Each structure stands twice: as structure tokens, then as C-alpha cells.
Amino acid sequence: MEIKKYHLLIFLMILSGCDPSESLDALLENATDSDLRIHFISAILLSEFIDNAEIINVESMDSQDYPRIGVAEGIGQAGLSLSVFDSIYISNNANEILKIYKPNSPGKNIYNIDQYWTVRETGKNHFEYTYMITDEDISN
């Protein structure tokens, strides 16, 4: 009887040591010669902010992590989801709008994760998604 308890205890310790959760980092990389501001708009997620917007500043040739970008539901590789954002737009430091993204905007679109984001696994169950902002994103 004592052996069975010991085996059960070991089994429970093994199960508790497994962390099936997944995580991700969402990096916004600025490959342009201009310092940029990325505005995330969400009436649901950012209701406590003025204009339901949160702004991430990304200097030229640098990158920033945006921790509010969430993990999509599912099992397997952690998936990036932008579905909570009504729109995302890019402005310069003078607050001139350079690009507006909506979920169904044509062309290169930050919402099209499968097409325009790169993903790599950086650790067990941890993924890094990167969107590179280029001159294509900010030119009219």
C-alpha cells in the first residue's frame, strides 16, 4: 500500500511539473529612418485610456514589445491575435497619420499575421512574433 502511495505521489509531481501554457512576445520592428508611434485602438481592451488608444513608440531601426497583444485560443504553437483591436495606425512624432490598418484593409496589413509576421520559438512553449514596419507601410 505504501508503494502505491509513493508511485501516485511521483506521478502527481511529474504532472505538476509540466507547464502546458504557452506564451508569446509581439515585437514591432521599425526598419525605417523615422521614429514612429504605433496606435492600438480598442473600445473593449483599452476603455480606460483616452480615445481607447495606447501608443507604442518605436525609434528608427529599433523594436518594441507590445504585451497587450494576446494569444489566440487553441492547442499547439501560441498564436498571435489582433482581433480585439478596432484599428491600428502609424504616425510620426509630429502626430501625422502615415498609415491606418483595419482588419480588412487591402495590401500589406498588420492584421494579416500569417503573411506579414515572422514567428520563431525562443523557448519551450514560448514564441516570438515580429512585424517589421518598412517604408512600404508608411508611404502613401
Protein backbone atom coordinates (compact mmCIF):
# COMPACT_ATOMS: atom_id res chain seq x y z
CA MET A 1 0.00 0.00 0.00
CA GLU A 2 2.85 2.38 0.86
CA ILE A 3 4.45 1.73 -2.56
CA LYS A 4 1.23 2.69 -4.38
CA LYS A 5 1.08 5.98 -2.48
CA TYR A 6 4.72 6.63 -3.36
CA HIS A 7 4.04 5.95 -7.07
CA LEU A 8 0.96 8.18 -7.02
CA LEU A 9 2.95 10.96 -5.35
CA ILE A 10 5.69 10.71 -8.01
CA PHE A 11 3.07 10.70 -10.78
CA LEU A 12 1.41 13.83 -9.36
CA MET A 13 4.78 15.57 -9.04
CA ILE A 14 5.54 14.81 -12.70
CA LEU A 15 2.17 16.18 -13.80
CA SER A 16 2.54 19.34 -11.75
CA GLY A 17 5.97 19.93 -13.26
CA CYS A 18 4.51 20.06 -16.76
CA ASP A 19 3.55 23.54 -17.82
CA PRO A 20 1.27 23.26 -20.84
CA SER A 21 0.73 27.01 -21.03
CA GLU A 22 2.10 28.92 -23.96
CA SER A 23 3.33 32.47 -24.15
CA LEU A 24 4.49 34.90 -26.77
CA ASP A 25 6.20 38.20 -27.34
CA ALA A 26 4.92 40.51 -30.06
CA LEU A 27 7.69 42.72 -31.38
CA LEU A 28 7.14 45.75 -33.57
CA GLU A 29 10.32 46.41 -35.52
CA ASN A 30 10.90 49.80 -37.15
CA ALA A 31 13.08 49.35 -40.25
CA THR A 32 12.54 52.94 -41.43
CA ASP A 33 14.63 56.08 -40.99
CA SER A 34 11.86 57.72 -38.92
CA ASP A 35 10.85 57.35 -35.29
CA LEU A 36 7.29 56.05 -35.27
CA ARG A 37 4.30 55.82 -32.98
CA ILE A 38 2.04 52.78 -33.24
CA HIS A 39 -1.52 53.46 -32.03
CA PHE A 40 -3.61 50.48 -30.93
CA ILE A 41 -7.34 51.25 -30.75
CA SER A 42 -9.78 49.05 -28.85
CA ALA A 43 -13.07 50.05 -27.23
CA ILE A 44 -13.02 46.76 -25.29
CA LEU A 45 -9.40 46.30 -24.22
CA LEU A 46 -8.37 49.94 -23.85
CA SER A 47 -11.52 51.53 -22.45
CA GLU A 48 -9.57 53.08 -19.55
CA PHE A 49 -7.35 55.03 -21.99
CA ILE A 50 -8.11 58.36 -23.64
CA ASP A 51 -9.66 57.71 -27.07
CA ASN A 52 -9.45 53.96 -26.33
CA ALA A 53 -5.88 54.12 -27.62
CA GLU A 54 -2.49 53.02 -26.41
CA ILE A 55 0.63 54.27 -28.17
CA ILE A 56 3.91 52.41 -28.54
CA ASN A 57 6.93 54.49 -29.56
CA VAL A 58 9.42 52.69 -31.77
CA GLU A 59 12.61 54.50 -32.67
CA SER A 60 14.19 54.15 -36.08
CA MET A 61 15.99 50.80 -36.55
CA ASP A 62 14.75 49.55 -33.17
CA SER A 63 11.97 47.31 -31.88
CA GLN A 64 9.47 47.32 -29.02
CA ASP A 65 7.45 44.58 -27.40
CA TYR A 66 3.71 45.18 -27.03
CA PRO A 67 2.49 42.93 -24.19
CA ARG A 68 -1.26 43.54 -24.72
CA ILE A 69 -1.26 41.54 -27.93
CA GLY A 70 -2.79 38.25 -26.91
CA VAL A 71 -2.55 34.56 -27.53
CA ALA A 72 -5.22 33.08 -29.79
CA GLU A 73 -7.26 30.18 -28.47
CA GLY A 74 -6.09 26.70 -29.33
CA ILE A 75 -3.59 24.00 -28.62
CA GLY A 76 -0.12 23.89 -30.10
CA GLN A 77 2.01 26.83 -31.17
CA ALA A 78 0.98 30.02 -29.37
CA GLY A 79 -0.94 32.09 -31.89
CA LEU A 80 -0.96 35.85 -32.15
CA SER A 81 -4.34 37.57 -32.23
CA LEU A 82 -5.15 41.18 -33.05
CA SER A 83 -8.90 40.66 -33.12
CA VAL A 84 -9.54 42.85 -30.06
CA PHE A 85 -8.22 45.94 -31.85
CA ASP A 86 -10.65 48.03 -33.88
CA SER A 87 -7.79 49.62 -35.80
CA ILE A 88 -4.05 50.12 -35.62
CA TYR A 89 -2.34 53.12 -37.10
CA ILE A 90 1.14 54.52 -37.50
CA SER A 91 2.07 58.16 -37.03
CA ASN A 92 5.30 60.11 -36.89
CA ASN A 93 6.49 62.19 -33.95
CA ALA A 94 4.56 65.20 -35.30
CA ASN A 95 1.44 63.02 -34.91
CA GLU A 96 0.80 62.95 -38.68
CA ILE A 97 -1.00 59.73 -39.56
CA LEU A 98 1.08 57.73 -42.02
CA LYS A 99 -0.94 54.50 -42.24
CA ILE A 100 -4.25 53.17 -40.91
CA TYR A 101 -4.83 49.44 -40.65
CA LYS A 102 -8.28 47.91 -40.33
CA PRO A 103 -8.85 44.14 -40.24
CA ASN A 104 -9.88 44.06 -43.92
CA SER A 105 -7.55 46.71 -45.36
CA PRO A 106 -6.02 45.65 -48.70
CA GLY A 107 -2.27 45.29 -49.25
CA LYS A 108 0.32 44.81 -46.53
CA ASN A 109 -1.67 44.70 -43.33
CA ILE A 110 -0.50 44.21 -39.75
CA TYR A 111 -3.68 42.15 -39.13
CA ASN A 112 -2.56 39.51 -41.68
CA ILE A 113 -0.40 37.61 -39.24
CA ASP A 114 0.20 34.57 -41.47
CA GLN A 115 1.51 36.75 -44.29
CA TYR A 116 3.41 39.59 -42.66
CA TRP A 117 4.62 38.45 -39.25
CA THR A 118 7.58 36.17 -38.65
CA VAL A 119 7.45 33.67 -35.81
CA ARG A 120 10.14 31.71 -34.05
CA GLU A 121 10.15 29.54 -30.95
CA THR A 122 12.56 31.06 -28.42
CA GLY A 123 12.00 28.58 -25.61
CA LYS A 124 9.77 25.74 -24.53
CA ASN A 125 6.23 26.91 -25.33
CA HIS A 126 7.39 30.50 -25.89
CA PHE A 127 7.13 32.18 -29.28
CA GLU A 128 8.32 35.49 -30.65
CA TYR A 129 6.24 37.19 -33.34
CA THR A 130 7.77 40.12 -35.23
CA TYR A 131 6.12 42.63 -37.53
CA MET A 132 8.64 44.70 -39.49
CA ILE A 133 7.48 48.20 -40.35
CA THR A 134 9.09 49.24 -43.61
CA ASP A 135 8.82 52.23 -45.93
CA GLU A 136 6.01 50.30 -47.68
CA ASP A 137 3.92 50.65 -44.52
CA ILE A 138 4.30 54.41 -44.19
CA SER A 139 4.36 55.54 -47.82
CA ASN A 140 1.11 56.79 -49.36
